Amino acid sequence: MSNLFADLPPEGAAEEAFATLLTAPGARIERIVSRGQASPPGFWYDQDEDEWVAVLAGAATLRFEDTPAPLNLTAGDHVWIAAHRRHRVEATADPTIWLAVHLARG
């Protein structure tokens, strides 16, 4: 047993912290802890997997290349990101704790 809110990286950590919680055929669940990080300028995620992501604590702003307005997420909000839907993290609160479920296509 473990706790999603335990063992957080220290305040001011330079990088987001990714922890794989579970892997199974075609699926991966991970906890992501952001400490104010954002995607680098001009960078877009373009993933081969579908992803469902929820904000458990904190807040974040996502931007999708195909949507003009940013998406502001707070604790309890979740979103489906289809494979190859280009997106980026515009901003995160310190800390923001995410739960991400990645699902392989096919």
N, C-alpha and C. Protein backbone atom coordinates (compact mmCIF):
# COMPACT_ATOMS: atom_id res chain seq x y z
N MET A 1 0.84 -1.18 0.00
CA MET A 1 0.00 0.00 0.00
C MET A 1 0.89 1.24 0.00
N SER A 2 0.44 2.27 -0.67
CA SER A 2 1.14 3.55 -0.65
C SER A 2 0.10 4.66 -0.74
N ASN A 3 0.57 5.90 -0.58
CA ASN A 3 -0.32 7.05 -0.55
C ASN A 3 0.08 8.01 -1.65
N LEU A 4 -0.89 8.47 -2.42
CA LEU A 4 -0.62 9.38 -3.54
C LEU A 4 -0.06 10.73 -3.10
N PHE A 5 -0.26 11.08 -1.83
CA PHE A 5 0.19 12.38 -1.34
C PHE A 5 1.47 12.28 -0.49
N ALA A 6 2.06 11.10 -0.42
CA ALA A 6 3.28 10.90 0.36
C ALA A 6 4.51 11.04 -0.52
N ASP A 7 5.61 11.34 0.11
CA ASP A 7 6.92 11.39 -0.56
C ASP A 7 6.93 12.33 -1.76
N LEU A 8 6.40 13.53 -1.57
CA LEU A 8 6.41 14.52 -2.64
C LEU A 8 7.82 15.09 -2.80
N PRO A 9 8.17 15.46 -4.03
CA PRO A 9 9.48 16.11 -4.21
C PRO A 9 9.48 17.45 -3.47
N PRO A 10 10.65 17.96 -3.13
CA PRO A 10 10.73 19.20 -2.36
C PRO A 10 10.23 20.40 -3.13
N GLU A 11 9.74 21.37 -2.40
CA GLU A 11 9.32 22.64 -2.99
C GLU A 11 10.46 23.21 -3.81
N GLY A 12 10.14 23.74 -4.98
CA GLY A 12 11.15 24.33 -5.84
C GLY A 12 11.93 23.33 -6.68
N ALA A 13 11.48 22.06 -6.71
CA ALA A 13 12.18 21.05 -7.53
C ALA A 13 12.23 21.53 -8.98
N ALA A 14 13.35 21.31 -9.63
CA ALA A 14 13.56 21.80 -10.99
C ALA A 14 12.72 21.05 -12.02
N GLU A 15 12.46 19.77 -11.76
CA GLU A 15 11.76 18.92 -12.73
C GLU A 15 10.50 18.35 -12.11
N GLU A 16 9.52 18.05 -12.98
CA GLU A 16 8.36 17.30 -12.51
C GLU A 16 8.81 15.90 -12.09
N ALA A 17 8.08 15.32 -11.16
CA ALA A 17 8.41 13.97 -10.69
C ALA A 17 7.35 12.99 -11.19
N PHE A 18 7.80 11.95 -11.89
CA PHE A 18 6.91 10.92 -12.44
C PHE A 18 7.16 9.63 -11.68
N ALA A 19 6.07 9.02 -11.19
CA ALA A 19 6.19 7.74 -10.49
C ALA A 19 5.17 6.77 -11.09
N THR A 20 5.66 5.69 -11.66
CA THR A 20 4.76 4.67 -12.20
C THR A 20 4.18 3.87 -11.04
N LEU A 21 2.86 3.84 -10.97
CA LEU A 21 2.17 3.15 -9.88
C LEU A 21 1.75 1.74 -10.28
N LEU A 22 1.45 1.56 -11.56
CA LEU A 22 0.97 0.27 -12.02
C LEU A 22 1.19 0.17 -13.52
N THR A 23 1.66 -0.98 -13.96
CA THR A 23 1.71 -1.27 -15.39
C THR A 23 0.99 -2.59 -15.61
N ALA A 24 0.30 -2.65 -16.72
CA ALA A 24 -0.42 -3.86 -17.13
C ALA A 24 -0.40 -3.84 -18.65
N PRO A 25 -0.68 -4.97 -19.29
CA PRO A 25 -0.67 -4.96 -20.75
C PRO A 25 -1.58 -3.84 -21.30
N GLY A 26 -0.97 -2.94 -22.05
CA GLY A 26 -1.72 -1.87 -22.69
C GLY A 26 -2.06 -0.69 -21.79
N ALA A 27 -1.58 -0.68 -20.54
CA ALA A 27 -1.94 0.41 -19.63
C ALA A 27 -0.79 0.73 -18.68
N ARG A 28 -0.73 2.00 -18.29
CA ARG A 28 0.23 2.47 -17.30
C ARG A 28 -0.45 3.57 -16.49
N ILE A 29 -0.34 3.49 -15.17
CA ILE A 29 -0.88 4.52 -14.28
C ILE A 29 0.30 5.18 -13.59
N GLU A 30 0.30 6.51 -13.58
CA GLU A 30 1.40 7.21 -12.93
C GLU A 30 0.91 8.41 -12.15
N ARG A 31 1.69 8.74 -11.14
CA ARG A 31 1.49 9.99 -10.40
C ARG A 31 2.52 10.97 -10.92
N ILE A 32 2.07 12.18 -11.18
CA ILE A 32 2.96 13.25 -11.61
C ILE A 32 2.84 14.37 -10.59
N VAL A 33 3.97 14.86 -10.12
CA VAL A 33 3.96 16.00 -9.21
C VAL A 33 4.66 17.16 -9.90
N SER A 34 3.93 18.24 -10.06
CA SER A 34 4.46 19.47 -10.66
C SER A 34 4.67 20.49 -9.55
N ARG A 35 5.75 21.20 -9.63
CA ARG A 35 6.09 22.23 -8.65
C ARG A 35 6.26 23.56 -9.37
N GLY A 36 5.21 23.94 -10.14
CA GLY A 36 5.27 25.20 -10.87
C GLY A 36 5.83 25.07 -12.27
N GLN A 37 6.10 23.84 -12.72
CA GLN A 37 6.66 23.65 -14.06
C GLN A 37 5.61 23.88 -15.15
N ALA A 38 6.11 24.13 -16.33
CA ALA A 38 5.30 24.27 -17.54
C ALA A 38 6.11 23.69 -18.70
N SER A 39 5.43 23.40 -19.79
CA SER A 39 6.13 22.92 -20.98
C SER A 39 7.04 24.03 -21.51
N PRO A 40 8.19 23.68 -22.05
CA PRO A 40 9.07 24.70 -22.63
C PRO A 40 8.37 25.43 -23.78
N PRO A 41 8.75 26.67 -24.03
CA PRO A 41 8.14 27.42 -25.14
C PRO A 41 8.24 26.65 -26.45
N GLY A 42 7.12 26.57 -27.15
CA GLY A 42 7.09 25.90 -28.45
C GLY A 42 6.98 24.39 -28.40
N PHE A 43 7.05 23.79 -27.20
CA PHE A 43 6.99 22.33 -27.07
C PHE A 43 5.54 21.86 -26.99
N TRP A 44 5.23 20.78 -27.72
CA TRP A 44 3.91 20.15 -27.68
C TRP A 44 4.09 18.66 -27.44
N TYR A 45 3.32 18.11 -26.49
CA TYR A 45 3.27 16.65 -26.34
C TYR A 45 2.50 16.09 -27.53
N ASP A 46 2.97 14.99 -28.09
CA ASP A 46 2.31 14.29 -29.18
C ASP A 46 2.52 12.80 -28.92
N GLN A 47 1.65 12.23 -28.12
CA GLN A 47 1.84 10.89 -27.57
C GLN A 47 1.18 9.82 -28.42
N ASP A 48 1.78 8.63 -28.43
CA ASP A 48 1.21 7.49 -29.14
C ASP A 48 0.07 6.84 -28.37
N GLU A 49 -0.07 7.16 -27.08
CA GLU A 49 -1.09 6.55 -26.23
C GLU A 49 -2.21 7.54 -25.95
N ASP A 50 -3.42 7.01 -25.69
CA ASP A 50 -4.49 7.82 -25.13
C ASP A 50 -4.13 8.07 -23.67
N GLU A 51 -4.61 9.19 -23.12
CA GLU A 51 -4.32 9.51 -21.73
C GLU A 51 -5.54 10.13 -21.07
N TRP A 52 -5.87 9.61 -19.91
CA TRP A 52 -6.86 10.24 -19.03
C TRP A 52 -6.07 10.80 -17.87
N VAL A 53 -6.26 12.08 -17.57
CA VAL A 53 -5.50 12.72 -16.51
C VAL A 53 -6.45 13.47 -15.59
N ALA A 54 -6.18 13.35 -14.28
CA ALA A 54 -6.97 14.05 -13.26
C ALA A 54 -6.05 14.85 -12.38
N VAL A 55 -6.51 16.01 -11.96
CA VAL A 55 -5.78 16.82 -10.98
C VAL A 55 -6.33 16.44 -9.61
N LEU A 56 -5.47 15.88 -8.76
CA LEU A 56 -5.88 15.48 -7.42
C LEU A 56 -5.74 16.64 -6.43
N ALA A 57 -4.73 17.47 -6.64
CA ALA A 57 -4.48 18.62 -5.78
C ALA A 57 -3.79 19.68 -6.61
N GLY A 58 -4.03 20.94 -6.29
CA GLY A 58 -3.39 22.03 -7.01
C GLY A 58 -4.22 22.49 -8.20
N ALA A 59 -3.55 23.01 -9.19
CA ALA A 59 -4.22 23.55 -10.38
C ALA A 59 -3.23 23.56 -11.54
N ALA A 60 -3.79 23.51 -12.75
CA ALA A 60 -2.95 23.52 -13.95
C ALA A 60 -3.73 24.13 -15.10
N THR A 61 -3.00 24.65 -16.06
CA THR A 61 -3.58 25.14 -17.30
C THR A 61 -3.00 24.33 -18.44
N LEU A 62 -3.88 23.68 -19.20
CA LEU A 62 -3.49 22.93 -20.39
C LEU A 62 -3.91 23.71 -21.62
N ARG A 63 -3.16 23.55 -22.67
CA ARG A 63 -3.55 24.12 -23.96
C ARG A 63 -3.46 23.01 -24.99
N PHE A 64 -4.50 22.94 -25.83
CA PHE A 64 -4.53 21.99 -26.93
C PHE A 64 -4.33 22.76 -28.22
N GLU A 65 -3.53 22.21 -29.11
CA GLU A 65 -3.21 22.90 -30.36
C GLU A 65 -4.47 23.18 -31.19
N ASP A 66 -5.47 22.28 -31.08
CA ASP A 66 -6.68 22.42 -31.89
C ASP A 66 -7.79 23.22 -31.22
N THR A 67 -7.52 23.83 -30.07
CA THR A 67 -8.52 24.60 -29.34
C THR A 67 -7.91 25.93 -28.94
N PRO A 68 -8.56 27.05 -29.27
CA PRO A 68 -7.94 28.35 -28.99
C PRO A 68 -7.85 28.71 -27.51
N ALA A 69 -8.84 28.32 -26.71
CA ALA A 69 -8.84 28.71 -25.29
C ALA A 69 -8.13 27.67 -24.43
N PRO A 70 -7.37 28.13 -23.44
CA PRO A 70 -6.74 27.18 -22.52
C PRO A 70 -7.78 26.51 -21.64
N LEU A 71 -7.40 25.39 -21.06
CA LEU A 71 -8.27 24.63 -20.17
C LEU A 71 -7.69 24.73 -18.77
N ASN A 72 -8.43 25.37 -17.87
CA ASN A 72 -7.98 25.54 -16.49
C ASN A 72 -8.54 24.41 -15.64
N LEU A 73 -7.66 23.64 -15.02
CA LEU A 73 -8.05 22.50 -14.21
C LEU A 73 -7.73 22.78 -12.74
N THR A 74 -8.65 22.39 -11.87
CA THR A 74 -8.42 22.45 -10.43
C THR A 74 -8.69 21.07 -9.85
N ALA A 75 -8.44 20.91 -8.56
CA ALA A 75 -8.58 19.61 -7.91
C ALA A 75 -9.95 18.99 -8.22
N GLY A 76 -9.91 17.76 -8.69
CA GLY A 76 -11.13 17.03 -9.05
C GLY A 76 -11.44 17.03 -10.53
N ASP A 77 -10.84 17.95 -11.28
CA ASP A 77 -11.08 18.01 -12.72
C ASP A 77 -10.28 16.93 -13.43
N HIS A 78 -10.85 16.40 -14.51
CA HIS A 78 -10.14 15.40 -15.31
C HIS A 78 -10.47 15.62 -16.78
N VAL A 79 -9.58 15.10 -17.63
CA VAL A 79 -9.73 15.31 -19.07
C VAL A 79 -9.17 14.10 -19.81
N TRP A 80 -9.79 13.80 -20.94
CA TRP A 80 -9.34 12.74 -21.84
C TRP A 80 -8.51 13.39 -22.94
N ILE A 81 -7.32 12.82 -23.19
CA ILE A 81 -6.45 13.33 -24.24
C ILE A 81 -6.21 12.18 -25.21
N ALA A 82 -6.80 12.26 -26.37
CA ALA A 82 -6.65 11.21 -27.38
C ALA A 82 -5.20 11.17 -27.88
N ALA A 83 -4.76 10.00 -28.28
CA ALA A 83 -3.43 9.84 -28.84
C ALA A 83 -3.23 10.85 -29.98
N HIS A 84 -2.08 11.46 -30.01
CA HIS A 84 -1.65 12.42 -31.02
C HIS A 84 -2.44 13.73 -31.01
N ARG A 85 -3.22 13.98 -29.96
CA ARG A 85 -3.82 15.31 -29.82
C ARG A 85 -2.75 16.17 -29.13
N ARG A 86 -2.20 17.08 -29.88
CA ARG A 86 -1.08 17.87 -29.39
C ARG A 86 -1.54 18.81 -28.28
N HIS A 87 -0.77 18.78 -27.18
CA HIS A 87 -1.12 19.58 -26.01
C HIS A 87 0.15 19.98 -25.26
N ARG A 88 -0.01 20.96 -24.39
CA ARG A 88 1.10 21.43 -23.58
C ARG A 88 0.58 21.89 -22.23
N VAL A 89 1.47 21.93 -21.25
CA VAL A 89 1.14 22.44 -19.93
C VAL A 89 1.60 23.89 -19.90
N GLU A 90 0.64 24.80 -19.76
CA GLU A 90 0.97 26.23 -19.74
C GLU A 90 1.45 26.68 -18.36
N ALA A 91 0.86 26.11 -17.30
CA ALA A 91 1.23 26.52 -15.94
C ALA A 91 0.73 25.46 -14.95
N THR A 92 1.42 25.39 -13.80
CA THR A 92 0.97 24.54 -12.70
C THR A 92 1.19 25.27 -11.39
N ALA A 93 0.33 24.96 -10.42
CA ALA A 93 0.52 25.46 -9.06
C ALA A 93 1.60 24.62 -8.39
N ASP A 94 2.10 25.10 -7.28
CA ASP A 94 3.12 24.37 -6.53
C ASP A 94 2.56 23.99 -5.16
N PRO A 95 2.22 22.73 -4.96
CA PRO A 95 2.34 21.60 -5.88
C PRO A 95 1.02 21.33 -6.62
N THR A 96 1.15 20.65 -7.74
CA THR A 96 0.01 20.04 -8.43
C THR A 96 0.29 18.56 -8.51
N ILE A 97 -0.68 17.76 -8.07
CA ILE A 97 -0.56 16.31 -8.10
C ILE A 97 -1.56 15.77 -9.10
N TRP A 98 -1.05 15.06 -10.09
CA TRP A 98 -1.85 14.50 -11.18
C TRP A 98 -1.91 12.98 -11.04
N LEU A 99 -2.98 12.40 -11.52
CA LEU A 99 -3.06 10.96 -11.73
C LEU A 99 -3.30 10.77 -13.21
N ALA A 100 -2.40 10.04 -13.87
CA ALA A 100 -2.50 9.84 -15.32
C ALA A 100 -2.63 8.36 -15.63
N VAL A 101 -3.56 8.05 -16.51
CA VAL A 101 -3.75 6.69 -16.99
C VAL A 101 -3.48 6.71 -18.49
N HIS A 102 -2.45 5.97 -18.91
CA HIS A 102 -2.06 5.90 -20.31
C HIS A 102 -2.55 4.56 -20.87
N LEU A 103 -3.23 4.61 -22.01
CA LEU A 103 -3.78 3.41 -22.63
C LEU A 103 -3.26 3.28 -24.05
N ALA A 104 -2.65 2.13 -24.33
CA ALA A 104 -2.12 1.88 -25.66
C ALA A 104 -3.25 1.67 -26.65
N ARG A 105 -3.04 2.18 -27.83
CA ARG A 105 -4.02 1.96 -28.90
C ARG A 105 -3.72 0.62 -29.56
N GLY A 106 -4.79 0.00 -30.04
CA GLY A 106 -4.55 -1.21 -30.80
C GLY A 106 -5.23 -2.34 -30.21
